[in-house]
């Protein structure tokens, strides 16, 4: 916080792939985690639930 970042950054593909260049952006979350993993739901594929009317 409190650091200024350039609006426009000119980077080369070669520099990005070789790791010599990197975007200067603020870190949003620790360890660059931007999405929380969703909880897995076990579904019964053989059984379809009935619609209550």
N, C-alpha and C. Protein backbone atom coordinates (compact mmCIF):
# COMPACT_ATOMS: atom_id res chain seq x y z
N UNK A 1 0.84 -1.18 0.00
CA UNK A 1 0.00 0.00 0.00
C UNK A 1 0.89 1.24 0.00
N UNK A 2 0.38 2.26 -0.62
CA UNK A 2 1.12 3.50 -0.68
C UNK A 2 2.16 3.53 -1.78
N UNK A 3 2.24 2.50 -2.59
CA UNK A 3 3.20 2.47 -3.69
C UNK A 3 2.47 2.76 -4.99
N UNK A 4 3.10 3.55 -5.85
CA UNK A 4 2.51 3.87 -7.15
C UNK A 4 2.95 2.85 -8.18
N UNK A 5 2.02 2.45 -9.04
CA UNK A 5 2.30 1.50 -10.10
C UNK A 5 1.99 2.17 -11.44
N UNK A 6 2.81 1.93 -12.46
CA UNK A 6 2.58 2.57 -13.76
C UNK A 6 1.29 2.06 -14.42
N UNK A 7 0.58 2.96 -15.09
CA UNK A 7 -0.66 2.60 -15.77
C UNK A 7 -0.37 1.78 -17.01
N UNK A 8 0.67 2.15 -17.74
CA UNK A 8 1.04 1.46 -18.97
C UNK A 8 2.43 0.86 -18.77
N UNK A 9 2.57 -0.42 -19.07
CA UNK A 9 3.85 -1.09 -18.93
C UNK A 9 4.16 -1.82 -20.23
N UNK A 10 5.30 -1.52 -20.81
CA UNK A 10 5.72 -2.16 -22.06
C UNK A 10 6.66 -3.31 -21.72
N UNK A 11 6.20 -4.52 -21.95
CA UNK A 11 6.98 -5.72 -21.68
C UNK A 11 7.10 -6.53 -22.96
N UNK A 12 8.16 -7.30 -23.07
CA UNK A 12 8.34 -8.14 -24.25
C UNK A 12 7.93 -9.57 -23.90
N UNK A 13 7.48 -10.28 -24.89
CA UNK A 13 7.12 -11.68 -24.71
C UNK A 13 8.34 -12.49 -24.29
N UNK A 14 9.48 -12.18 -24.90
CA UNK A 14 10.72 -12.88 -24.57
C UNK A 14 11.08 -12.67 -23.09
N UNK A 15 10.96 -11.45 -22.62
CA UNK A 15 11.27 -11.15 -21.23
C UNK A 15 10.32 -11.84 -20.26
N UNK A 16 9.04 -11.92 -20.63
CA UNK A 16 8.05 -12.60 -19.78
C UNK A 16 8.33 -14.10 -19.71
N UNK A 17 8.64 -14.71 -20.87
CA UNK A 17 8.88 -16.15 -20.90
C UNK A 17 10.19 -16.52 -20.22
N UNK A 18 11.20 -15.67 -20.33
CA UNK A 18 12.49 -15.95 -19.69
C UNK A 18 12.50 -15.58 -18.21
N UNK A 19 11.50 -14.82 -17.78
CA UNK A 19 11.42 -14.43 -16.38
C UNK A 19 12.25 -13.20 -16.04
N UNK A 20 12.73 -12.49 -17.07
CA UNK A 20 13.53 -11.29 -16.81
C UNK A 20 12.65 -10.05 -16.65
N UNK A 21 11.39 -10.11 -17.09
CA UNK A 21 10.46 -9.00 -16.96
C UNK A 21 9.20 -9.49 -16.26
N UNK A 22 8.56 -8.59 -15.53
CA UNK A 22 7.34 -8.95 -14.82
C UNK A 22 6.47 -7.71 -14.65
N UNK A 23 5.16 -7.87 -14.70
CA UNK A 23 4.25 -6.75 -14.48
C UNK A 23 4.43 -6.22 -13.06
N UNK A 24 4.40 -4.91 -12.92
CA UNK A 24 4.45 -4.29 -11.61
C UNK A 24 3.01 -4.01 -11.20
N UNK A 25 2.45 -4.91 -10.38
CA UNK A 25 1.07 -4.78 -9.92
C UNK A 25 1.02 -5.03 -8.42
N UNK A 26 0.04 -4.46 -7.73
CA UNK A 26 -0.07 -4.71 -6.30
C UNK A 26 -0.48 -6.15 -6.05
N UNK A 27 0.04 -6.72 -4.97
CA UNK A 27 -0.32 -8.10 -4.62
C UNK A 27 -1.68 -8.07 -3.94
N UNK A 28 -2.65 -8.76 -4.53
CA UNK A 28 -4.02 -8.74 -4.04
C UNK A 28 -4.17 -9.66 -2.83
N UNK A 29 -3.62 -10.83 -2.93
CA UNK A 29 -3.76 -11.82 -1.86
C UNK A 29 -2.40 -12.48 -1.63
N UNK A 30 -2.20 -13.06 -0.46
CA UNK A 30 -0.94 -13.75 -0.21
C UNK A 30 -0.72 -14.88 -1.21
N UNK A 31 0.51 -15.01 -1.69
CA UNK A 31 0.90 -16.06 -2.63
C UNK A 31 0.12 -16.01 -3.93
N UNK A 32 -0.36 -14.83 -4.33
CA UNK A 32 -1.10 -14.65 -5.59
C UNK A 32 -2.31 -15.56 -5.71
N UNK A 33 -2.99 -15.83 -4.62
CA UNK A 33 -4.21 -16.63 -4.66
C UNK A 33 -5.37 -15.65 -4.93
N UNK A 34 -6.00 -15.81 -6.07
CA UNK A 34 -7.08 -14.88 -6.42
C UNK A 34 -8.45 -15.51 -6.29
N UNK A 35 -8.54 -16.83 -6.31
CA UNK A 35 -9.82 -17.49 -6.19
C UNK A 35 -9.77 -18.54 -5.10
N UNK A 36 -10.84 -18.62 -4.34
CA UNK A 36 -10.94 -19.65 -3.32
C UNK A 36 -11.49 -20.91 -3.98
N UNK A 37 -10.91 -22.05 -3.66
CA UNK A 37 -11.37 -23.31 -4.25
C UNK A 37 -12.76 -23.66 -3.72
N UNK A 38 -13.62 -24.07 -4.62
CA UNK A 38 -14.98 -24.46 -4.25
C UNK A 38 -14.96 -25.85 -3.63
N UNK A 39 -15.90 -26.09 -2.74
CA UNK A 39 -16.02 -27.39 -2.11
C UNK A 39 -16.63 -28.38 -3.09
N UNK A 40 -16.07 -29.59 -3.15
CA UNK A 40 -16.58 -30.63 -4.05
C UNK A 40 -17.89 -31.19 -3.50
N UNK A 41 -18.83 -31.44 -4.40
CA UNK A 41 -20.11 -32.02 -4.04
C UNK A 41 -20.22 -33.37 -4.74
N UNK A 42 -20.49 -34.41 -3.97
CA UNK A 42 -20.66 -35.74 -4.56
C UNK A 42 -22.08 -35.84 -5.11
N UNK A 43 -22.17 -36.16 -6.37
CA UNK A 43 -23.47 -36.28 -7.01
C UNK A 43 -23.72 -37.73 -7.39
N UNK A 44 -24.96 -38.16 -7.20
CA UNK A 44 -25.36 -39.49 -7.67
C UNK A 44 -25.76 -39.34 -9.13
N UNK A 45 -24.92 -39.83 -10.02
CA UNK A 45 -25.21 -39.68 -11.44
C UNK A 45 -26.31 -40.63 -11.90
N UNK A 46 -26.47 -41.75 -11.19
CA UNK A 46 -27.47 -42.74 -11.59
C UNK A 46 -28.87 -42.36 -11.13
N UNK A 47 -28.97 -41.56 -10.10
CA UNK A 47 -30.28 -41.23 -9.54
C UNK A 47 -30.61 -39.77 -9.78
N UNK A 48 -31.80 -39.53 -10.28
CA UNK A 48 -32.28 -38.17 -10.48
C UNK A 48 -33.29 -37.88 -9.38
N UNK A 49 -33.12 -36.75 -8.72
CA UNK A 49 -34.04 -36.40 -7.65
C UNK A 49 -35.39 -36.03 -8.21
N UNK A 50 -36.45 -36.35 -7.46
CA UNK A 50 -37.81 -36.03 -7.91
C UNK A 50 -38.17 -34.59 -7.55
N UNK A 51 -38.90 -33.96 -8.44
CA UNK A 51 -39.37 -32.61 -8.23
C UNK A 51 -40.64 -32.65 -7.41
N UNK A 52 -40.60 -31.99 -6.28
CA UNK A 52 -41.80 -31.94 -5.43
C UNK A 52 -42.73 -30.84 -5.94
N UNK A 53 -43.98 -31.21 -6.22
CA UNK A 53 -44.94 -30.26 -6.76
C UNK A 53 -46.05 -29.98 -5.80
